Protein backbone atom coordinates (compact mmCIF):
# COMPACT_ATOMS: atom_id res chain seq x y z
CA UNK A 1 84.16 65.60 67.17
CA UNK A 2 87.48 67.38 66.52
CA UNK A 3 89.64 68.72 69.35
CA UNK A 4 88.91 72.32 68.35
CA UNK A 5 85.12 71.97 68.01
CA UNK A 6 84.61 71.05 71.71
CA UNK A 7 85.61 74.44 73.17
CA UNK A 8 83.78 75.99 70.33
CA UNK A 9 80.58 74.07 71.08
CA UNK A 10 80.85 75.10 74.77
CA UNK A 11 81.12 78.83 73.82
CA UNK A 12 78.09 78.33 71.40
CA UNK A 13 76.10 76.90 74.22
CA UNK A 14 77.03 79.76 76.44
CA UNK A 15 76.11 82.38 73.76
CA UNK A 16 72.74 80.51 73.12
CA UNK A 17 71.87 80.47 76.78
CA UNK A 18 72.47 84.26 77.00
CA UNK A 19 70.33 84.84 73.90
CA UNK A 20 67.61 82.64 75.10
CA UNK A 21 67.68 84.07 78.52
CA UNK A 22 68.31 80.65 80.15
CA UNK A 23 71.90 81.52 81.43
CA UNK A 24 72.21 81.40 85.23
CA UNK A 25 76.02 81.63 85.96
CA UNK A 26 79.41 80.31 84.81
CA UNK A 27 82.51 79.35 86.89
CA UNK A 28 86.10 78.77 85.71
CA UNK A 29 88.43 76.71 87.99
CA UNK A 30 91.46 74.40 88.07
CA UNK A 31 94.25 76.80 87.41
CA UNK A 32 96.28 75.86 84.37
CA UNK A 33 98.32 79.00 83.46
CA UNK A 34 101.38 80.66 84.82
CA UNK A 35 99.38 83.03 87.08
CA UNK A 36 98.71 80.82 90.03
CA UNK A 37 97.32 83.71 92.09
CA UNK A 38 94.00 83.82 90.28
CA UNK A 39 92.11 80.91 91.78
CA UNK A 40 88.57 81.04 90.15
CA UNK A 41 86.40 83.30 87.95
CA UNK A 42 82.65 83.62 88.51
CA UNK A 43 80.32 85.22 85.87
CA UNK A 44 76.77 86.34 85.92
CA UNK A 45 74.53 88.64 83.81
CA UNK A 46 73.71 92.19 85.03
CA UNK A 47 71.96 95.28 83.57
CA UNK A 48 74.48 98.01 83.22
CA UNK A 49 72.87 101.34 82.21
CA UNK A 50 69.88 99.44 80.78
CA UNK A 51 72.26 97.24 78.68
CA UNK A 52 73.05 93.59 79.35
CA UNK A 53 76.52 92.81 80.44
CA UNK A 54 78.64 90.18 82.16
CA UNK A 55 80.11 90.84 85.58
CA UNK A 56 83.18 88.85 86.36
CA UNK A 57 84.39 88.09 90.03
CA UNK A 58 88.05 87.27 90.02
CA UNK A 59 88.95 85.40 93.21
CA UNK A 60 92.47 85.95 94.56
CA UNK A 61 93.83 84.49 97.83
CA UNK A 62 93.26 87.79 99.73
CA UNK A 63 90.78 89.72 97.63
CA UNK A 64 88.07 89.67 95.07
CA UNK A 65 88.01 91.87 91.97
CA UNK A 66 84.91 92.65 90.03
CA UNK A 67 85.03 93.60 86.38
CA UNK A 68 82.10 94.35 83.94
CA UNK A 69 82.25 93.74 80.22
CA UNK A 70 79.89 93.80 77.35
CA UNK A 71 78.34 90.41 76.36
CA UNK A 72 80.76 90.14 73.34
CA UNK A 73 83.84 91.08 75.30
CA UNK A 74 82.79 88.79 78.16
CA UNK A 75 82.41 85.82 75.85
CA UNK A 76 85.81 86.55 74.18
CA UNK A 77 87.46 86.51 77.58
CA UNK A 78 85.97 83.27 78.55
CA UNK A 79 87.30 81.80 75.27
CA UNK A 80 90.74 83.00 76.08
CA UNK A 81 90.65 81.77 79.69
CA UNK A 82 89.40 78.29 78.86
CA UNK A 83 92.27 75.79 78.12
CA UNK A 84 94.97 78.27 79.10
CA UNK A 85 94.49 79.88 82.45
CA UNK A 86 91.74 77.45 83.62
CA UNK A 87 91.29 73.79 82.83
CA UNK A 88 87.68 73.42 83.81
CA UNK A 89 84.47 75.48 82.98
CA UNK A 90 80.99 74.96 84.35
CA UNK A 91 77.98 76.57 82.58
CA UNK A 92 74.80 76.65 84.46
CA UNK A 93 71.60 77.21 82.61
CA UNK A 94 67.78 76.67 83.27
CA UNK A 95 67.82 73.83 80.75
CA UNK A 96 71.05 72.03 81.57
CA UNK A 97 74.49 72.11 83.13
CA UNK A 98 77.41 71.98 80.66
CA UNK A 99 80.97 71.29 81.71
CA UNK A 100 84.24 71.42 79.81
CA UNK A 101 87.38 69.81 81.26
CA UNK A 102 90.95 69.71 79.77
CA UNK A 103 93.60 67.21 80.66
CA UNK A 104 97.32 67.87 81.04
CA UNK A 105 97.69 67.72 77.21
CA UNK A 106 94.96 70.38 76.86
CA UNK A 107 92.58 67.90 75.28
CA UNK A 108 89.03 68.83 76.06
CA UNK A 109 85.89 66.79 76.95
CA UNK A 110 82.29 68.05 77.23
CA UNK A 111 79.72 66.79 79.80
CA UNK A 112 76.10 67.57 79.99
CA UNK A 113 73.89 67.04 82.99
CA UNK A 114 70.28 67.94 84.02
CA UNK A 115 69.90 71.50 85.18
CA UNK A 116 70.87 71.97 88.89
CA UNK A 117 69.64 75.61 88.93
CA UNK A 118 65.86 76.55 88.82
CA UNK A 119 66.21 80.25 89.33
CA UNK A 120 68.30 83.08 87.79
CA UNK A 121 70.03 85.51 90.15
CA UNK A 122 69.10 89.01 90.32
CA UNK A 123 70.50 91.18 87.46
CA UNK A 124 70.39 94.40 89.31
CA UNK A 125 73.88 95.79 89.21
CA UNK A 126 73.94 97.92 92.43
CA UNK A 127 72.79 95.27 94.88
CA UNK A 128 72.95 96.00 98.49
CA UNK A 129 76.15 94.39 99.72
CA UNK A 130 75.95 92.13 102.81
CA UNK A 131 78.72 93.12 105.18
CA UNK A 132 80.29 90.85 107.89
CA UNK A 133 79.87 93.64 110.35
CA UNK A 134 76.32 95.00 110.50
CA UNK A 135 75.95 98.77 110.86
CA UNK A 136 74.00 98.35 114.02
CA UNK A 137 76.93 96.79 115.99
CA UNK A 138 76.71 98.45 119.40
CA UNK A 139 80.46 99.54 119.47
CA UNK A 140 80.00 101.38 116.15
CA UNK A 141 77.51 103.74 117.77
CA UNK A 142 79.70 104.22 120.77
CA UNK A 143 82.59 105.04 118.71
CA UNK A 144 80.67 107.57 116.57
CA UNK A 145 80.76 105.55 113.39
CA UNK A 146 76.96 104.93 113.22
CA UNK A 147 73.80 106.63 114.46
CA UNK A 148 71.66 105.55 117.44
CA UNK A 149 69.43 104.01 114.85
CA UNK A 150 72.16 101.79 113.56
CA UNK A 151 72.95 103.56 110.28
CA UNK A 152 76.49 104.39 109.25
CA UNK A 153 77.09 108.18 109.22
CA UNK A 154 77.85 109.72 105.86
CA UNK A 155 81.33 110.90 106.92
CA UNK A 156 82.20 107.28 108.14
CA UNK A 157 81.19 105.25 105.13
CA UNK A 158 84.76 104.84 104.16
CA UNK A 159 85.80 103.75 107.51
CA UNK A 160 82.99 101.25 107.74
CA UNK A 161 84.09 99.70 104.42
CA UNK A 162 87.58 99.54 105.72
CA UNK A 163 86.44 97.53 108.77
CA UNK A 164 84.67 95.01 106.64
CA UNK A 165 87.62 94.78 104.24
CA UNK A 166 89.75 93.97 107.24
CA UNK A 167 87.37 91.15 108.34
CA UNK A 168 87.34 89.90 104.69
CA UNK A 169 91.09 89.69 104.69
CA UNK A 170 91.11 87.88 108.07
CA UNK A 171 88.55 85.34 106.91
CA UNK A 172 90.58 84.59 103.81
CA UNK A 173 93.67 84.01 105.85
CA UNK A 174 91.83 81.76 108.28
CA UNK A 175 90.53 79.76 105.40
CA UNK A 176 94.01 79.30 104.05
CA UNK A 177 95.46 78.29 107.46
CA UNK A 178 93.45 75.59 109.14
CA UNK A 179 95.94 75.18 112.02
CA UNK A 180 94.52 78.07 114.16
CA UNK A 181 92.63 76.99 117.27
CA UNK A 182 89.05 77.98 117.66
CA UNK A 183 90.00 79.47 121.03
CA UNK A 184 92.80 81.63 119.81
CA UNK A 185 94.85 84.04 121.80
CA UNK A 186 95.09 87.16 119.68
CA UNK A 187 97.19 90.27 120.41
CA UNK A 188 96.46 93.66 118.49
CA UNK A 189 99.55 95.85 119.12
CA UNK A 190 98.74 99.50 118.65
CA UNK A 191 94.97 98.93 118.86
CA UNK A 192 94.15 102.70 118.92
CA UNK A 193 90.45 103.44 119.29
CA UNK A 194 89.76 99.68 118.90
CA UNK A 195 87.13 99.63 116.17
CA UNK A 196 89.10 96.97 114.15
CA UNK A 197 89.72 95.04 117.42
CA UNK A 198 86.03 95.09 118.36
CA UNK A 199 85.08 94.08 114.95
CA UNK A 200 87.40 91.07 114.84
CA UNK A 201 86.18 89.90 118.28
CA UNK A 202 82.55 90.24 117.22
CA UNK A 203 83.09 88.22 113.95
CA UNK A 204 85.13 85.55 115.53
CA UNK A 205 82.65 85.13 118.51
CA UNK A 206 79.30 85.78 116.87
CA UNK A 207 79.95 85.15 113.25
CA UNK A 208 82.23 82.09 113.37
CA UNK A 209 81.13 80.71 116.87
CA UNK A 210 84.75 80.76 118.21
CA UNK A 211 85.91 81.55 121.67
CA UNK A 212 88.72 84.11 121.27
CA UNK A 213 90.79 85.98 123.76
CA UNK A 214 91.89 89.28 122.39
CA UNK A 215 94.31 91.66 124.02
CA UNK A 216 94.61 95.22 122.65
CA UNK A 217 97.94 96.93 123.44
CA UNK A 218 97.82 100.74 123.27
CA UNK A 219 100.01 103.47 124.93
CA UNK A 220 97.28 106.05 125.35
CA UNK A 221 95.60 105.35 128.63
CA UNK A 222 92.42 107.29 127.74
CA UNK A 223 91.80 105.16 124.82
CA UNK A 224 92.43 101.99 126.82
CA UNK A 225 90.01 103.12 129.52
CA UNK A 226 87.26 103.84 126.92
CA UNK A 227 87.75 100.51 125.14
CA UNK A 228 87.70 98.45 128.47
CA UNK A 229 84.59 100.23 129.68
CA UNK A 230 82.80 99.68 126.22
CA UNK A 231 83.99 95.99 126.17
CA UNK A 232 82.40 95.44 129.61
CA UNK A 233 79.22 97.30 128.76
CA UNK A 234 78.41 95.20 125.65
CA UNK A 235 79.45 91.90 127.29
CA UNK A 236 82.71 91.12 125.27
CA UNK A 237 84.19 89.15 128.14
CA UNK A 238 87.16 87.89 126.03
CA UNK A 239 88.22 91.28 124.88
CA UNK A 240 90.38 93.55 126.98
CA UNK A 241 93.00 96.38 126.52
CA UNK A 242 96.20 97.29 128.29
CA UNK A 243 98.01 100.58 128.41
CA UNK A 244 101.58 99.47 127.68
CA UNK A 245 104.56 99.95 125.37
CA UNK A 246 104.56 96.89 122.99
CA UNK A 247 108.31 96.55 123.62
CA UNK A 248 107.59 95.80 127.25
CA UNK A 249 104.73 93.37 126.53
CA UNK A 250 105.64 89.82 127.46
CA UNK A 251 102.85 87.40 126.24
CA UNK A 252 102.55 83.98 127.40
CA UNK A 253 100.88 82.89 124.20
CA UNK A 254 100.07 84.44 120.75
CA UNK A 255 98.18 82.52 118.16
CA UNK A 256 97.49 85.54 115.92
CA UNK A 257 99.46 88.75 116.09
CA UNK A 258 98.19 91.91 114.53
CA UNK A 259 99.92 95.35 114.22
CA UNK A 260 98.36 97.90 111.90
CA UNK A 261 100.12 101.17 111.17
CA UNK A 262 102.68 100.80 114.02
CA UNK A 263 105.25 103.48 113.27
CA UNK A 264 108.73 102.59 111.88
CA UNK A 265 110.59 100.14 114.23
CA UNK A 266 107.32 99.42 116.18
CA UNK A 267 106.36 97.18 113.33
CA UNK A 268 109.63 95.25 113.74
CA UNK A 269 109.08 94.88 117.50
CA UNK A 270 105.64 93.48 116.83
CA UNK A 271 106.96 91.06 114.25
CA UNK A 272 109.69 89.88 116.56
CA UNK A 273 107.13 89.28 119.40
CA UNK A 274 105.09 87.23 116.94
CA UNK A 275 108.00 85.09 115.74
CA UNK A 276 109.34 84.53 119.30
CA UNK A 277 105.91 83.54 120.52
CA UNK A 278 105.60 81.08 117.48
CA UNK A 279 102.32 82.67 116.40
CA UNK A 280 100.52 80.90 113.64
CA UNK A 281 99.68 84.11 111.80
CA UNK A 282 101.40 87.49 111.86
CA UNK A 283 99.55 90.43 110.22
CA UNK A 284 101.23 93.87 110.01
CA UNK A 285 100.49 97.04 108.04
CA UNK A 286 103.68 99.09 108.36
CA UNK A 287 103.72 102.91 108.73
CA UNK A 288 106.88 105.09 108.25
CA UNK A 289 110.21 103.59 107.22
CA UNK A 290 112.80 105.91 108.80
CA UNK A 291 115.38 103.38 110.03
CA UNK A 292 116.41 101.92 106.63
CA UNK A 293 116.27 105.29 104.88
CA UNK A 294 118.77 106.76 107.35
CA UNK A 295 121.03 103.66 106.77
CA UNK A 296 120.80 103.66 103.10
CA UNK A 297 124.12 104.45 101.35
CA UNK A 298 123.90 103.13 97.90
CA UNK A 299 127.01 103.26 95.71
CA UNK A 300 125.64 101.40 92.57
CA UNK A 301 124.02 102.82 89.50
CA UNK A 302 120.83 103.07 91.44
CA UNK A 303 122.17 106.19 93.09
CA UNK A 304 121.40 108.10 89.88
CA UNK A 305 117.61 107.93 90.76
CA UNK A 306 117.92 107.67 94.49
CA UNK A 307 119.28 111.21 94.67
CA UNK A 308 115.64 112.26 94.37
CA UNK A 309 114.12 112.32 97.84
CA UNK A 310 110.73 110.89 96.74
CA UNK A 311 112.47 107.99 94.89
CA UNK A 312 114.71 107.24 97.97
CA UNK A 313 111.69 107.32 100.25
CA UNK A 314 109.84 104.76 98.18
CA UNK A 315 112.90 102.63 97.73
CA UNK A 316 113.42 102.63 101.52
CA UNK A 317 109.84 101.49 102.06
CA UNK A 318 110.23 98.54 99.54
CA UNK A 319 113.56 97.41 101.07
CA UNK A 320 112.25 97.76 104.63
CA UNK A 321 109.14 95.69 104.14
CA UNK A 322 110.99 93.31 101.69
CA UNK A 323 113.61 92.39 104.31
CA UNK A 324 110.76 92.07 106.95
CA UNK A 325 109.09 89.54 104.60
CA UNK A 326 112.37 87.60 104.08
CA UNK A 327 113.17 87.52 107.82
CA UNK A 328 109.66 86.09 108.42
CA UNK A 329 110.49 83.51 105.73
CA UNK A 330 113.82 82.71 107.40
CA UNK A 331 111.96 81.89 110.52
CA UNK A 332 109.39 79.51 109.00
CA UNK A 333 106.75 81.66 107.75
CA UNK A 334 105.26 81.84 104.26
CA UNK A 335 104.66 85.40 103.33
CA UNK A 336 102.21 87.60 101.33
CA UNK A 337 102.57 91.23 100.73
CA UNK A 338 99.64 93.04 99.27
CA UNK A 339 97.42 96.20 99.17
CA UNK A 340 95.29 96.45 102.33
CA UNK A 341 93.08 99.28 101.21
CA UNK A 342 93.09 101.43 98.10
CA UNK A 343 95.63 104.32 97.99
CA UNK A 344 92.71 106.64 97.50
CA UNK A 345 91.96 106.11 101.25
CA UNK A 346 95.49 106.13 102.53
CA UNK A 347 99.04 105.94 101.06
CA UNK A 348 100.15 103.54 103.86
CA UNK A 349 98.41 100.59 102.53
CA UNK A 350 100.80 97.73 102.41
CA UNK A 351 99.99 94.57 104.38
CA UNK A 352 102.53 91.88 105.19
CA UNK A 353 101.21 88.51 106.36
CA UNK A 354 103.22 85.65 107.68
CA UNK A 355 101.59 82.19 107.96
CA UNK A 356 103.40 79.28 109.67
CA UNK A 357 104.82 77.08 106.92
CA UNK A 358 107.97 76.21 105.08
CA UNK A 359 111.27 77.82 105.98
CA UNK A 360 113.07 79.80 103.16
CA UNK A 361 116.60 78.54 103.41
CA UNK A 362 118.01 81.23 101.12
CA UNK A 363 116.25 84.18 102.91
CA UNK A 364 119.44 85.29 104.85
CA UNK A 365 121.58 85.08 101.87
CA UNK A 366 119.03 87.26 99.86
CA UNK A 367 118.88 89.79 102.72
CA UNK A 368 122.67 90.10 102.86
CA UNK A 369 122.74 90.76 99.06
CA UNK A 370 120.10 93.51 99.36
CA UNK A 371 121.96 95.18 102.20
CA UNK A 372 125.16 95.08 100.29
CA UNK A 373 123.71 96.65 97.25
CA UNK A 374 122.16 99.47 99.17
CA UNK A 375 124.84 100.07 101.73
CA UNK A 376 122.72 99.07 104.65
CA UNK A 377 124.53 97.85 107.77
CA UNK A 378 121.55 96.27 109.57
CA UNK A 379 117.66 96.05 109.57
CA UNK A 380 116.30 96.68 112.99
CA UNK A 381 114.25 93.52 112.93
CA UNK A 382 117.48 91.43 112.61
CA UNK A 383 118.77 92.81 115.88
CA UNK A 384 115.58 91.76 117.61
CA UNK A 385 115.84 88.25 116.38
């Protein structure tokens, strides 16, 4: 059998299984292309407006993306992925399992095994999604997100999805970093009304079986009183809140630090607290970027576009968060910067994550080059460290 006929045979068996209605699912793995961020692809059949289609789930480190394509388009995409972006494909049918594997020289081999699946998945497109945080969680009702009957109120559907997206991201980070204790000390700086804080505690305690200690720091005493009362009422003994400025908070131990939408330099204060406490994971979602924008005095060709206020604002945001990321790397954290929630929900949607790992020895040099180019004297986080 020629080298080219093996991938062709695999694709033919895929096509036949779809035609014969024996197709169960397909997975692509073992990244072989330049894009290392796409880890796996999962495919199954669905009915889309009464027409058969292939739905792909693209797995990234911090999110999953779902895309639907016609059968013809889907098979063509699989053909392009195999041997290029992915070096292994597994086809599951009701008759047999078929695997294709490529070696480093991109030479393919085909394997056939008895069928491991005896049932096809539901082809219904709009399946009811199973969320990590159930809608009848007691704190959701107390916070006005759900009804007394445990149903999410129409006006809070977006907030409920945001809560579950947050838990999904946390889960992904915990899977990537196995060094976190199952009795973690977690600090949520700027916890607000606390719905994300409560959700995290419930997920770790009831979902994962951990024994977390979580402290929510919030300036507004009324919110802190509400959260502490609710935590006591529903029996969350490891969850408490304190009315305090995060600048004055002196923790004995932080394993996981969270600061979502802390305004301007408050994000820098939170990052510094996490670095100084040698937290295993630091998660921030910045809000406002006033300090760097006031500092910027660009004298390069970039000034031609930075004269527009909106362009200067966006550039200031990129520089502020970019330097934050590099400072984390300079202090021994591997960083990720990604979209937290869609821009249709909020324009403040960037999340920066630092995970204890390898130090970037060039980070300070890179920061200095950026500051020189844009006429920046200092980044506030530098002064804290």
